[in-house]
């Protein structure tokens, strides 16, 4: 049975006239009459008494009319709900970021910004487990509208060709700090001359090669003279894992300043050689240039209007541990 047959029957029941009902349904009278006949054959009963003027409904037709009106009303309501859900989904912006940025900037900045602009972000927490390649693929394929990520020249998230397809806004600065668990006096448990006997090396937890921060830390270890050698004892994909091992006293590791701010203040962690080992990062929001999502355009234009205010308003650096609150005094910015 076709749904339009129900609407045909309701129209005929209300007009009690085949030609007027056919006009109302925008079909020819022969086509309309044939569809009513097919409906009666489907139901196995006569629904229309054709021997009266005007036409009348048979007892079976009266029962069928009540059911047809309920069914079509339910279908109309269901269609409206489905369209509303579809519209809501169309309004949502798919969003992805790393664990540490979920915990810090997403909660403190992007989510409140969305609420002020009346935007809804649809985020998949599974993205917090992704490596660098998965983030890049999700953005380039269009499966996510926005990606909030750390950026450093040593990171190779995108090829030069891919970068031409993207736009980004630098929304903040961050610093990777070399941290150790601390003793009761607030001093680092791991320090030069105290670890590994006379070898003068410190155990170090680094990031996996496919992690966002992996290439950054690797390059720093190879190019910066920290005055002590670092012996890699473990690698992790995410900052949370590195932090847990460092805090547990298993070695030193580079961690985002926002992620360790409270632990530093409570002397659960201590900085090691903060001047030489500090790694400056940008925090960037990326989108595809050809993404025509209306809400994404609205968000992007709002961010561009704020411009440099983004950095001034959102900077929240570690204080009281040798790290400046003013990013301009310590953090270099880079061109793409």
C-alpha atoms as a PDB file:
ATOM      1  CA  UNK A   1       0.000   0.000   0.000  1.00  0.00           C
ATOM      2  CA  UNK A   2       1.258   3.460  -0.898  1.00  0.00           C
ATOM      3  CA  UNK A   3       0.962   6.361   1.527  1.00  0.00           C
ATOM      4  CA  UNK A   4      -0.544   8.569  -1.178  1.00  0.00           C
ATOM      5  CA  UNK A   5      -3.508   6.175  -1.384  1.00  0.00           C
ATOM      6  CA  UNK A   6      -4.391   7.140   2.179  1.00  0.00           C
ATOM      7  CA  UNK A   7      -4.363  10.835   1.258  1.00  0.00           C
ATOM      8  CA  UNK A   8      -6.458  10.049  -1.836  1.00  0.00           C
ATOM      9  CA  UNK A   9      -9.053   8.293   0.278  1.00  0.00           C
ATOM     10  CA  UNK A  10      -9.173  11.096   2.861  1.00  0.00           C
ATOM     11  CA  UNK A  11      -9.678  13.658   0.072  1.00  0.00           C
ATOM     12  CA  UNK A  12     -12.495  11.562  -1.448  1.00  0.00           C
ATOM     13  CA  UNK A  13     -14.134  11.060   1.942  1.00  0.00           C
ATOM     14  CA  UNK A  14     -14.174  14.832   2.507  1.00  0.00           C
ATOM     15  CA  UNK A  15     -15.299  15.910  -0.994  1.00  0.00           C
ATOM     16  CA  UNK A  16     -17.582  12.912  -1.712  1.00  0.00           C
ATOM     17  CA  UNK A  17     -16.790  13.520  -5.409  1.00  0.00           C
ATOM     18  CA  UNK A  18     -14.205  11.739  -7.580  1.00  0.00           C
ATOM     19  CA  UNK A  19     -13.361  14.622  -9.925  1.00  0.00           C
ATOM     20  CA  UNK A  20     -13.040  17.227  -7.147  1.00  0.00           C
ATOM     21  CA  UNK A  21     -10.894  14.849  -5.074  1.00  0.00           C
ATOM     22  CA  UNK A  22      -8.711  14.137  -8.134  1.00  0.00           C
ATOM     23  CA  UNK A  23      -8.203  17.871  -8.694  1.00  0.00           C
ATOM     24  CA  UNK A  24      -7.276  18.285  -5.022  1.00  0.00           C
ATOM     25  CA  UNK A  25      -4.673  15.536  -5.378  1.00  0.00           C
ATOM     26  CA  UNK A  26      -3.391  16.970  -8.708  1.00  0.00           C
ATOM     27  CA  UNK A  27      -4.041  13.800 -10.750  1.00  0.00           C
ATOM     28  CA  UNK A  28      -6.440  12.929 -13.528  1.00  0.00           C
ATOM     29  CA  UNK A  29      -9.760  11.400 -12.545  1.00  0.00           C
ATOM     30  CA  UNK A  30      -9.013   8.000 -14.225  1.00  0.00           C
ATOM     31  CA  UNK A  31      -5.701   7.770 -12.334  1.00  0.00           C
ATOM     32  CA  UNK A  32      -7.410   8.763  -9.092  1.00  0.00           C
ATOM     33  CA  UNK A  33     -10.220   6.237  -9.570  1.00  0.00           C
ATOM     34  CA  UNK A  34      -7.694   3.505 -10.302  1.00  0.00           C
ATOM     35  CA  UNK A  35      -5.766   4.266  -7.096  1.00  0.00           C
ATOM     36  CA  UNK A  36      -8.955   4.116  -4.998  1.00  0.00           C
ATOM     37  CA  UNK A  37      -9.762   0.773  -6.603  1.00  0.00           C
ATOM     38  CA  UNK A  38      -6.250  -0.532  -5.819  1.00  0.00           C
ATOM     39  CA  UNK A  39      -6.696   0.602  -2.214  1.00  0.00           C
ATOM     40  CA  UNK A  40      -9.967  -1.318  -1.920  1.00  0.00           C
ATOM     41  CA  UNK A  41      -8.332  -4.406  -3.415  1.00  0.00           C
ATOM     42  CA  UNK A  42      -5.487  -4.082  -0.912  1.00  0.00           C
ATOM     43  CA  UNK A  43      -7.938  -3.860   2.002  1.00  0.00           C
ATOM     44  CA  UNK A  44     -10.163  -6.643   0.612  1.00  0.00           C
ATOM     45  CA  UNK A  45     -13.336  -4.582   1.118  1.00  0.00           C
ATOM     46  CA  UNK A  46     -15.437  -1.934  -0.588  1.00  0.00           C
ATOM     47  CA  UNK A  47     -14.760   1.409   1.072  1.00  0.00           C
ATOM     48  CA  UNK A  48     -16.860   3.692  -1.185  1.00  0.00           C
ATOM     49  CA  UNK A  49     -20.592   3.332  -1.918  1.00  0.00           C
ATOM     50  CA  UNK A  50     -20.750   4.483  -5.535  1.00  0.00           C
ATOM     51  CA  UNK A  51     -24.508   4.123  -5.808  1.00  0.00           C
ATOM     52  CA  UNK A  52     -25.355   7.186  -3.750  1.00  0.00           C
ATOM     53  CA  UNK A  53     -25.241  10.872  -4.620  1.00  0.00           C
ATOM     54  CA  UNK A  54     -23.116  12.283  -3.245  1.00  0.00           C
ATOM     55  CA  UNK A  55     -20.827   9.318  -2.706  1.00  0.00           C
ATOM     56  CA  UNK A  56     -20.831   7.799   0.762  1.00  0.00           C
ATOM     57  CA  UNK A  57     -18.539   5.608   2.792  1.00  0.00           C
ATOM     58  CA  UNK A  58     -19.367   2.018   3.538  1.00  0.00           C
ATOM     59  CA  UNK A  59     -19.126   0.880   7.184  1.00  0.00           C
ATOM     60  CA  UNK A  60     -15.666  -0.493   6.316  1.00  0.00           C
ATOM     61  CA  UNK A  61     -14.831   2.872   4.746  1.00  0.00           C
ATOM     62  CA  UNK A  62     -15.815   4.733   7.939  1.00  0.00           C
ATOM     63  CA  UNK A  63     -13.424   2.537   9.959  1.00  0.00           C
ATOM     64  CA  UNK A  64     -10.691   2.925   7.368  1.00  0.00           C
ATOM     65  CA  UNK A  65     -11.065   6.741   7.323  1.00  0.00           C
ATOM     66  CA  UNK A  66     -10.397   7.021  11.057  1.00  0.00           C
ATOM     67  CA  UNK A  67      -7.290   4.847  10.742  1.00  0.00           C
ATOM     68  CA  UNK A  68      -6.072   6.681   7.626  1.00  0.00           C
ATOM     69  CA  UNK A  69      -6.330  10.054   9.400  1.00  0.00           C
ATOM     70  CA  UNK A  70      -4.397   8.769  12.411  1.00  0.00           C
ATOM     71  CA  UNK A  71      -1.697   7.222  10.217  1.00  0.00           C
ATOM     72  CA  UNK A  72      -1.202  10.302   8.037  1.00  0.00           C
ATOM     73  CA  UNK A  73      -1.122  12.568  11.099  1.00  0.00           C
ATOM     74  CA  UNK A  74       1.506  10.324  12.703  1.00  0.00           C
ATOM     75  CA  UNK A  75       3.550  10.302   9.501  1.00  0.00           C
ATOM     76  CA  UNK A  76       3.403  14.094   9.254  1.00  0.00           C
ATOM     77  CA  UNK A  77       4.527  14.472  12.860  1.00  0.00           C
ATOM     78  CA  UNK A  78       7.329  11.948  12.351  1.00  0.00           C
ATOM     79  CA  UNK A  79       8.472  13.727   9.191  1.00  0.00           C
ATOM     80  CA  UNK A  80       8.563  17.040  11.056  1.00  0.00           C
ATOM     81  CA  UNK A  81      10.639  15.514  13.870  1.00  0.00           C
ATOM     82  CA  UNK A  82      13.074  13.949  11.408  1.00  0.00           C
ATOM     83  CA  UNK A  83      13.501  17.227   9.546  1.00  0.00           C
ATOM     84  CA  UNK A  84      14.066  19.059  12.813  1.00  0.00           C
ATOM     85  CA  UNK A  85      16.739  16.539  13.818  1.00  0.00           C
ATOM     86  CA  UNK A  86      18.352  16.862  10.400  1.00  0.00           C
ATOM     87  CA  UNK A  87      18.350  20.647  10.724  1.00  0.00           C
ATOM     88  CA  UNK A  88      19.920  20.399  14.182  1.00  0.00           C
ATOM     89  CA  UNK A  89      22.623  18.075  12.848  1.00  0.00           C
ATOM     90  CA  UNK A  90      23.295  20.482   9.999  1.00  0.00           C
ATOM     91  CA  UNK A  91      23.729  23.286  12.517  1.00  0.00           C
ATOM     92  CA  UNK A  92      26.316  21.373  14.566  1.00  0.00           C
ATOM     93  CA  UNK A  93      30.040  21.781  14.040  1.00  0.00           C
ATOM     94  CA  UNK A  94      32.110  18.615  14.243  1.00  0.00           C
ATOM     95  CA  UNK A  95      35.144  19.235  16.418  1.00  0.00           C
ATOM     96  CA  UNK A  96      38.321  17.332  17.266  1.00  0.00           C
ATOM     97  CA  UNK A  97      41.310  17.998  19.490  1.00  0.00           C
ATOM     98  CA  UNK A  98      43.853  16.272  21.717  1.00  0.00           C
ATOM     99  CA  UNK A  99      43.371  15.206  25.330  1.00  0.00           C
ATOM    100  CA  UNK A 100      45.299  18.083  26.848  1.00  0.00           C
ATOM    101  CA  UNK A 101      43.476  20.695  24.764  1.00  0.00           C
ATOM    102  CA  UNK A 102      40.118  19.117  25.577  1.00  0.00           C
ATOM    103  CA  UNK A 103      40.965  19.549  29.243  1.00  0.00           C
ATOM    104  CA  UNK A 104      42.310  23.081  28.948  1.00  0.00           C
ATOM    105  CA  UNK A 105      41.354  25.340  26.049  1.00  0.00           C
ATOM    106  CA  UNK A 106      38.216  23.563  24.849  1.00  0.00           C
ATOM    107  CA  UNK A 107      36.547  23.744  28.264  1.00  0.00           C
ATOM    108  CA  UNK A 108      37.821  27.194  29.193  1.00  0.00           C
ATOM    109  CA  UNK A 109      37.616  28.937  25.821  1.00  0.00           C
ATOM    110  CA  UNK A 110      36.048  27.248  22.781  1.00  0.00           C
ATOM    111  CA  UNK A 111      32.961  25.827  24.486  1.00  0.00           C
ATOM    112  CA  UNK A 112      32.083  29.138  26.229  1.00  0.00           C
ATOM    113  CA  UNK A 113      32.738  30.951  22.938  1.00  0.00           C
ATOM    114  CA  UNK A 114      30.280  28.640  21.195  1.00  0.00           C
ATOM    115  CA  UNK A 115      27.665  29.318  23.858  1.00  0.00           C
ATOM    116  CA  UNK A 116      28.093  33.082  23.433  1.00  0.00           C
ATOM    117  CA  UNK A 117      27.694  32.749  19.667  1.00  0.00           C
ATOM    118  CA  UNK A 118      24.825  30.237  20.020  1.00  0.00           C
ATOM    119  CA  UNK A 119      26.829  27.501  18.265  1.00  0.00           C
ATOM    120  CA  UNK A 120      26.789  23.793  19.065  1.00  0.00           C
ATOM    121  CA  UNK A 121      29.950  21.701  18.836  1.00  0.00           C
ATOM    122  CA  UNK A 122      29.516  17.988  18.223  1.00  0.00           C
ATOM    123  CA  UNK A 123      32.700  16.443  19.587  1.00  0.00           C
ATOM    124  CA  UNK A 124      33.780  12.827  19.562  1.00  0.00           C
ATOM    125  CA  UNK A 125      35.945  12.049  22.570  1.00  0.00           C
ATOM    126  CA  UNK A 126      37.496   9.200  20.585  1.00  0.00           C
ATOM    127  CA  UNK A 127      39.472  11.895  18.774  1.00  0.00           C
ATOM    128  CA  UNK A 128      41.415  12.437  22.000  1.00  0.00           C
ATOM    129  CA  UNK A 129      43.103   9.081  21.278  1.00  0.00           C
ATOM    130  CA  UNK A 130      44.143   9.969  17.733  1.00  0.00           C
ATOM    131  CA  UNK A 131      47.668  10.393  16.488  1.00  0.00           C
ATOM    132  CA  UNK A 132      48.843  13.191  14.196  1.00  0.00           C
ATOM    133  CA  UNK A 133      47.890  11.399  10.973  1.00  0.00           C
ATOM    134  CA  UNK A 134      44.353  10.665  12.159  1.00  0.00           C
ATOM    135  CA  UNK A 135      43.788  14.327  13.015  1.00  0.00           C
ATOM    136  CA  UNK A 136      45.030  15.419   9.601  1.00  0.00           C
ATOM    137  CA  UNK A 137      42.950  12.820   7.742  1.00  0.00           C
ATOM    138  CA  UNK A 138      39.760  13.755   9.607  1.00  0.00           C
ATOM    139  CA  UNK A 139      40.162  17.426   8.741  1.00  0.00           C
ATOM    140  CA  UNK A 140      41.179  16.890   5.105  1.00  0.00           C
ATOM    141  CA  UNK A 141      38.371  14.397   4.477  1.00  0.00           C
ATOM    142  CA  UNK A 142      35.774  16.764   5.901  1.00  0.00           C
ATOM    143  CA  UNK A 143      34.657  14.375   8.638  1.00  0.00           C
ATOM    144  CA  UNK A 144      35.498  17.096  11.151  1.00  0.00           C
ATOM    145  CA  UNK A 145      34.868  20.802  10.640  1.00  0.00           C
ATOM    146  CA  UNK A 146      37.341  22.142  13.188  1.00  0.00           C
ATOM    147  CA  UNK A 147      40.616  20.938  14.645  1.00  0.00           C
ATOM    148  CA  UNK A 148      42.277  22.597  17.625  1.00  0.00           C
ATOM    149  CA  UNK A 149      45.924  21.602  17.814  1.00  0.00           C
ATOM    150  CA  UNK A 150      49.383  22.539  18.982  1.00  0.00           C
ATOM    151  CA  UNK A 151      51.686  23.742  16.224  1.00  0.00           C
ATOM    152  CA  UNK A 152      55.470  23.993  15.940  1.00  0.00           C
ATOM    153  CA  UNK A 153      57.769  24.173  12.893  1.00  0.00           C
ATOM    154  CA  UNK A 154      59.068  20.675  13.624  1.00  0.00           C
ATOM    155  CA  UNK A 155      55.584  19.192  13.369  1.00  0.00           C
ATOM    156  CA  UNK A 156      54.643  17.810   9.966  1.00  0.00           C
ATOM    157  CA  UNK A 157      50.872  17.613  10.194  1.00  0.00           C
ATOM    158  CA  UNK A 158      50.285  18.644   6.595  1.00  0.00           C
ATOM    159  CA  UNK A 159      52.228  18.643   3.367  1.00  0.00           C
ATOM    160  CA  UNK A 160      52.736  21.936   1.556  1.00  0.00           C
ATOM    161  CA  UNK A 161      50.005  20.963  -0.915  1.00  0.00           C
ATOM    162  CA  UNK A 162      47.571  20.053   1.878  1.00  0.00           C
ATOM    163  CA  UNK A 163      48.300  23.278   3.735  1.00  0.00           C
ATOM    164  CA  UNK A 164      46.987  25.230   0.726  1.00  0.00           C
ATOM    165  CA  UNK A 165      43.584  23.628   1.318  1.00  0.00           C
ATOM    166  CA  UNK A 166      43.405  24.846   4.908  1.00  0.00           C
ATOM    167  CA  UNK A 167      42.963  27.993   6.936  1.00  0.00           C
ATOM    168  CA  UNK A 168      44.099  28.494  10.505  1.00  0.00           C
ATOM    169  CA  UNK A 169      43.860  31.044  13.263  1.00  0.00           C
ATOM    170  CA  UNK A 170      46.443  31.188  16.045  1.00  0.00           C
ATOM    171  CA  UNK A 171      44.242  31.418  19.130  1.00  0.00           C
ATOM    172  CA  UNK A 172      46.856  31.094  21.852  1.00  0.00           C
ATOM    173  CA  UNK A 173      50.428  30.256  22.821  1.00  0.00           C
ATOM    174  CA  UNK A 174      51.648  27.381  24.940  1.00  0.00           C
ATOM    175  CA  UNK A 175      54.978  26.189  26.319  1.00  0.00           C
ATOM    176  CA  UNK A 176      56.233  22.639  26.696  1.00  0.00           C
ATOM    177  CA  UNK A 177      58.048  22.479  30.031  1.00  0.00           C
ATOM    178  CA  UNK A 178      60.579  19.850  31.066  1.00  0.00           C
ATOM    179  CA  UNK A 179      59.237  18.526  34.359  1.00  0.00           C
ATOM    180  CA  UNK A 180      60.198  16.073  37.067  1.00  0.00           C
ATOM    181  CA  UNK A 181      58.435  14.781  40.132  1.00  0.00           C
ATOM    182  CA  UNK A 182      59.432  16.901  43.137  1.00  0.00           C
ATOM    183  CA  UNK A 183      60.584  16.119  46.655  1.00  0.00           C
ATOM    184  CA  UNK A 184      59.225  17.616  49.868  1.00  0.00           C
ATOM    185  CA  UNK A 185      61.322  20.741  49.336  1.00  0.00           C
ATOM    186  CA  UNK A 186      59.818  21.280  45.880  1.00  0.00           C
ATOM    187  CA  UNK A 187      63.062  20.315  44.114  1.00  0.00           C
ATOM    188  CA  UNK A 188      63.112  17.962  41.120  1.00  0.00           C
ATOM    189  CA  UNK A 189      63.606  14.309  42.038  1.00  0.00           C
ATOM    190  CA  UNK A 190      65.537  13.858  38.813  1.00  0.00           C
ATOM    191  CA  UNK A 191      68.411  16.294  38.460  1.00  0.00           C
ATOM    192  CA  UNK A 192      71.857  16.249  36.856  1.00  0.00           C
ATOM    193  CA  UNK A 193      74.435  14.503  39.046  1.00  0.00           C
ATOM    194  CA  UNK A 194      71.729  12.791  41.069  1.00  0.00           C
ATOM    195  CA  UNK A 195      70.535  10.185  38.569  1.00  0.00           C
ATOM    196  CA  UNK A 196      72.251   7.197  37.007  1.00  0.00           C
ATOM    197  CA  UNK A 197      75.413   7.424  39.073  1.00  0.00           C
ATOM    198  CA  UNK A 198      78.338   9.065  37.366  1.00  0.00           C
ATOM    199  CA  UNK A 199      76.815   8.815  33.938  1.00  0.00           C
ATOM    200  CA  UNK A 200      75.064  12.153  34.459  1.00  0.00           C
ATOM    201  CA  UNK A 201      71.958  11.197  32.461  1.00  0.00           C
ATOM    202  CA  UNK A 202      68.302  11.559  33.329  1.00  0.00           C
ATOM    203  CA  UNK A 203      65.572   9.036  32.504  1.00  0.00           C
ATOM    204  CA  UNK A 204      63.158  10.632  30.062  1.00  0.00           C
ATOM    205  CA  UNK A 205      59.618   9.843  28.947  1.00  0.00           C
ATOM    206  CA  UNK A 206      59.037  11.028  25.382  1.00  0.00           C
ATOM    207  CA  UNK A 207      56.195  10.973  22.862  1.00  0.00           C
ATOM    208  CA  UNK A 208      55.572   8.324  20.212  1.00  0.00           C
ATOM    209  CA  UNK A 209      56.775   9.163  16.723  1.00  0.00           C
ATOM    210  CA  UNK A 210      53.179   9.369  15.461  1.00  0.00           C
ATOM    211  CA  UNK A 211      52.074  11.625  18.327  1.00  0.00           C
ATOM    212  CA  UNK A 212      51.464  15.326  17.689  1.00  0.00           C
ATOM    213  CA  UNK A 213      54.344  16.357  19.961  1.00  0.00           C
ATOM    214  CA  UNK A 214      56.697  13.500  19.085  1.00  0.00           C
ATOM    215  CA  UNK A 215      58.761  15.307  16.413  1.00  0.00           C
ATOM    216  CA  UNK A 216      58.923  18.480  18.520  1.00  0.00           C
ATOM    217  CA  UNK A 217      60.467  16.824  21.568  1.00  0.00           C
ATOM    218  CA  UNK A 218      62.750  14.657  19.436  1.00  0.00           C
ATOM    219  CA  UNK A 219      64.131  17.702  17.600  1.00  0.00           C
ATOM    220  CA  UNK A 220      64.700  19.559  20.872  1.00  0.00           C
ATOM    221  CA  UNK A 221      66.585  16.647  22.405  1.00  0.00           C
ATOM    222  CA  UNK A 222      68.809  16.478  19.330  1.00  0.00           C
ATOM    223  CA  UNK A 223      69.475  20.193  18.894  1.00  0.00           C
ATOM    224  CA  UNK A 224      69.420  21.878  22.318  1.00  0.00           C
ATOM    225  CA  UNK A 225      72.234  21.564  24.847  1.00  0.00           C
ATOM    226  CA  UNK A 226      70.499  20.950  28.167  1.00  0.00           C
ATOM    227  CA  UNK A 227      73.769  20.384  30.031  1.00  0.00           C
ATOM    228  CA  UNK A 228      72.790  16.774  30.729  1.00  0.00           C
ATOM    229  CA  UNK A 229      72.068  13.731  28.598  1.00  0.00           C
ATOM    230  CA  UNK A 230      68.589  12.238  28.534  1.00  0.00           C
ATOM    231  CA  UNK A 231      68.030   8.487  28.384  1.00  0.00           C
ATOM    232  CA  UNK A 232      64.688   7.533  26.859  1.00  0.00           C
ATOM    233  CA  UNK A 233      63.017   4.935  29.063  1.00  0.00           C
ATOM    234  CA  UNK A 234      59.470   5.052  27.697  1.00  0.00           C
ATOM    235  CA  UNK A 235      57.294   6.684  25.050  1.00  0.00           C
ATOM    236  CA  UNK A 236      53.634   7.680  25.207  1.00  0.00           C
ATOM    237  CA  UNK A 237      51.201   9.029  22.621  1.00  0.00           C
ATOM    238  CA  UNK A 238      49.462  11.570  24.850  1.00  0.00           C
ATOM    239  CA  UNK A 239      50.401  14.227  27.379  1.00  0.00           C
ATOM    240  CA  UNK A 240      48.205  12.652  30.059  1.00  0.00           C
ATOM    241  CA  UNK A 241      50.244   9.446  29.942  1.00  0.00           C
ATOM    242  CA  UNK A 242      53.554  11.322  30.054  1.00  0.00           C
ATOM    243  CA  UNK A 243      52.327  13.407  32.969  1.00  0.00           C
ATOM    244  CA  UNK A 244      51.286  10.333  34.967  1.00  0.00           C
ATOM    245  CA  UNK A 245      54.703   8.704  34.548  1.00  0.00           C
ATOM    246  CA  UNK A 246      56.593  11.901  35.313  1.00  0.00           C
ATOM    247  CA  UNK A 247      54.466  12.562  38.370  1.00  0.00           C
ATOM    248  CA  UNK A 248      55.071   8.973  39.483  1.00  0.00           C
ATOM    249  CA  UNK A 249      58.813   9.631  39.497  1.00  0.00           C
ATOM    250  CA  UNK A 250      59.756   7.442  36.541  1.00  0.00           C
ATOM    251  CA  UNK A 251      61.609  10.165  34.672  1.00  0.00           C
ATOM    252  CA  UNK A 252      61.445  13.670  33.249  1.00  0.00           C
ATOM    253  CA  UNK A 253      59.213  14.716  30.393  1.00  0.00           C
ATOM    254  CA  UNK A 254      57.949  17.691  28.397  1.00  0.00           C
ATOM    255  CA  UNK A 255      54.425  18.744  29.304  1.00  0.00           C
ATOM    256  CA  UNK A 256      52.127  21.656  28.298  1.00  0.00           C
ATOM    257  CA  UNK A 257      52.195  24.479  30.827  1.00  0.00           C
ATOM    258  CA  UNK A 258      48.441  24.563  31.330  1.00  0.00           C
ATOM    259  CA  UNK A 259      48.371  20.855  32.019  1.00  0.00           C
ATOM    260  CA  UNK A 260      50.933  21.041  34.818  1.00  0.00           C
ATOM    261  CA  UNK A 261      50.151  24.454  36.292  1.00  0.00           C
ATOM    262  CA  UNK A 262      48.312  23.103  39.346  1.00  0.00           C
ATOM    263  CA  UNK A 263      50.848  20.322  39.942  1.00  0.00           C
ATOM    264  CA  UNK A 264      53.686  22.875  39.850  1.00  0.00           C
ATOM    265  CA  UNK A 265      51.888  25.167  42.251  1.00  0.00           C
ATOM    266  CA  UNK A 266      51.302  22.287  44.678  1.00  0.00           C
ATOM    267  CA  UNK A 267      54.914  21.118  44.310  1.00  0.00           C
ATOM    268  CA  UNK A 268      53.918  17.764  42.890  1.00  0.00           C
ATOM    269  CA  UNK A 269      56.094  18.565  39.876  1.00  0.00           C
ATOM    270  CA  UNK A 270      59.182  20.740  39.446  1.00  0.00           C
ATOM    271  CA  UNK A 271      60.749  22.368  36.396  1.00  0.00           C
ATOM    272  CA  UNK A 272      64.161  21.397  35.075  1.00  0.00           C
ATOM    273  CA  UNK A 273      66.266  24.085  33.410  1.00  0.00           C
ATOM    274  CA  UNK A 274      63.223  26.057  32.326  1.00  0.00           C
ATOM    275  CA  UNK A 275      65.176  28.538  30.208  1.00  0.00           C
ATOM    276  CA  UNK A 276      66.938  26.142  27.825  1.00  0.00           C
ATOM    277  CA  UNK A 277      64.368  23.359  27.792  1.00  0.00           C
ATOM    278  CA  UNK A 278      61.192  25.419  27.324  1.00  0.00           C
ATOM    279  CA  UNK A 279      59.634  24.689  23.903  1.00  0.00           C
ATOM    280  CA  UNK A 280      57.305  27.398  22.520  1.00  0.00           C
ATOM    281  CA  UNK A 281      54.154  26.273  20.740  1.00  0.00           C
ATOM    282  CA  UNK A 282      51.233  27.905  19.009  1.00  0.00           C
ATOM    283  CA  UNK A 283      47.682  26.720  19.535  1.00  0.00           C
ATOM    284  CA  UNK A 284      45.905  26.794  16.187  1.00  0.00           C
ATOM    285  CA  UNK A 285      42.336  26.267  15.044  1.00  0.00           C
ATOM    286  CA  UNK A 286      42.165  24.713  11.555  1.00  0.00           C
ATOM    287  CA  UNK A 287      39.412  24.415   8.949  1.00  0.00           C
ATOM    288  CA  UNK A 288      39.125  23.438   5.282  1.00  0.00           C
ATOM    289  CA  UNK A 289      38.951  26.494   3.023  1.00  0.00           C
ATOM    290  CA  UNK A 290      36.104  25.049   0.933  1.00  0.00           C
ATOM    291  CA  UNK A 291      33.969  23.986   3.910  1.00  0.00           C
ATOM    292  CA  UNK A 292      30.766  25.954   3.283  1.00  0.00           C
ATOM    293  CA  UNK A 293      29.077  25.114   6.594  1.00  0.00           C
ATOM    294  CA  UNK A 294      27.198  28.327   7.447  1.00  0.00           C
ATOM    295  CA  UNK A 295      27.875  28.047  11.177  1.00  0.00           C
ATOM    296  CA  UNK A 296      31.577  27.461  10.548  1.00  0.00           C
ATOM    297  CA  UNK A 297      31.712  30.612   8.418  1.00  0.00           C
ATOM    298  CA  UNK A 298      29.965  32.530  11.184  1.00  0.00           C
ATOM    299  CA  UNK A 299      32.415  31.254  13.817  1.00  0.00           C
ATOM    300  CA  UNK A 300      35.444  31.939  11.635  1.00  0.00           C
ATOM    301  CA  UNK A 301      34.396  35.491  10.852  1.00  0.00           C
ATOM    302  CA  UNK A 302      33.770  36.106  14.557  1.00  0.00           C
ATOM    303  CA  UNK A 303      37.264  34.867  15.411  1.00  0.00           C
ATOM    304  CA  UNK A 304      38.888  36.931  12.669  1.00  0.00           C
ATOM    305  CA  UNK A 305      37.137  40.055  13.938  1.00  0.00           C
ATOM    306  CA  UNK A 306      38.637  39.444  17.384  1.00  0.00           C
ATOM    307  CA  UNK A 307      42.089  39.151  15.832  1.00  0.00           C
ATOM    308  CA  UNK A 308      44.979  39.759  18.199  1.00  0.00           C
ATOM    309  CA  UNK A 309      42.611  39.993  21.156  1.00  0.00           C
ATOM    310  CA  UNK A 310      42.432  36.203  21.138  1.00  0.00           C
ATOM    311  CA  UNK A 311      45.992  35.920  22.365  1.00  0.00           C
ATOM    312  CA  UNK A 312      45.726  38.608  24.984  1.00  0.00           C
ATOM    313  CA  UNK A 313      42.456  37.386  26.433  1.00  0.00           C
ATOM    314  CA  UNK A 314      43.192  33.689  26.530  1.00  0.00           C
ATOM    315  CA  UNK A 315      46.842  33.487  27.552  1.00  0.00           C
ATOM    316  CA  UNK A 316      47.164  31.782  30.915  1.00  0.00           C
ATOM    317  CA  UNK A 317      50.785  30.817  31.411  1.00  0.00           C
ATOM    318  CA  UNK A 318      52.342  29.136  34.398  1.00  0.00           C
ATOM    319  CA  UNK A 319      53.317  31.698  37.025  1.00  0.00           C
ATOM    320  CA  UNK A 320      55.744  31.519  39.910  1.00  0.00           C
ATOM    321  CA  UNK A 321      57.999  28.870  38.379  1.00  0.00           C
ATOM    322  CA  UNK A 322      60.321  30.857  36.177  1.00  0.00           C
ATOM    323  CA  UNK A 323      57.863  31.019  33.300  1.00  0.00           C
ATOM    324  CA  UNK A 324      56.589  34.414  32.213  1.00  0.00           C
ATOM    325  CA  UNK A 325      52.871  35.177  32.167  1.00  0.00           C
ATOM    326  CA  UNK A 326      53.478  37.288  29.076  1.00  0.00           C
ATOM    327  CA  UNK A 327      53.949  34.968  26.062  1.00  0.00           C
ATOM    328  CA  UNK A 328      55.513  37.729  23.995  1.00  0.00           C
ATOM    329  CA  UNK A 329      58.496  37.852  26.332  1.00  0.00           C
ATOM    330  CA  UNK A 330      59.388  34.194  25.933  1.00  0.00           C
ATOM    331  CA  UNK A 331      57.470  32.559  23.103  1.00  0.00           C
ATOM    332  CA  UNK A 332      58.428  32.911  19.484  1.00  0.00           C
ATOM    333  CA  UNK A 333      55.712  32.810  16.832  1.00  0.00           C
ATOM    334  CA  UNK A 334      56.265  31.146  13.482  1.00  0.00           C
ATOM    335  CA  UNK A 335      55.008  31.471   9.964  1.00  0.00           C
ATOM    336  CA  UNK A 336      53.258  28.469   8.385  1.00  0.00           C
END
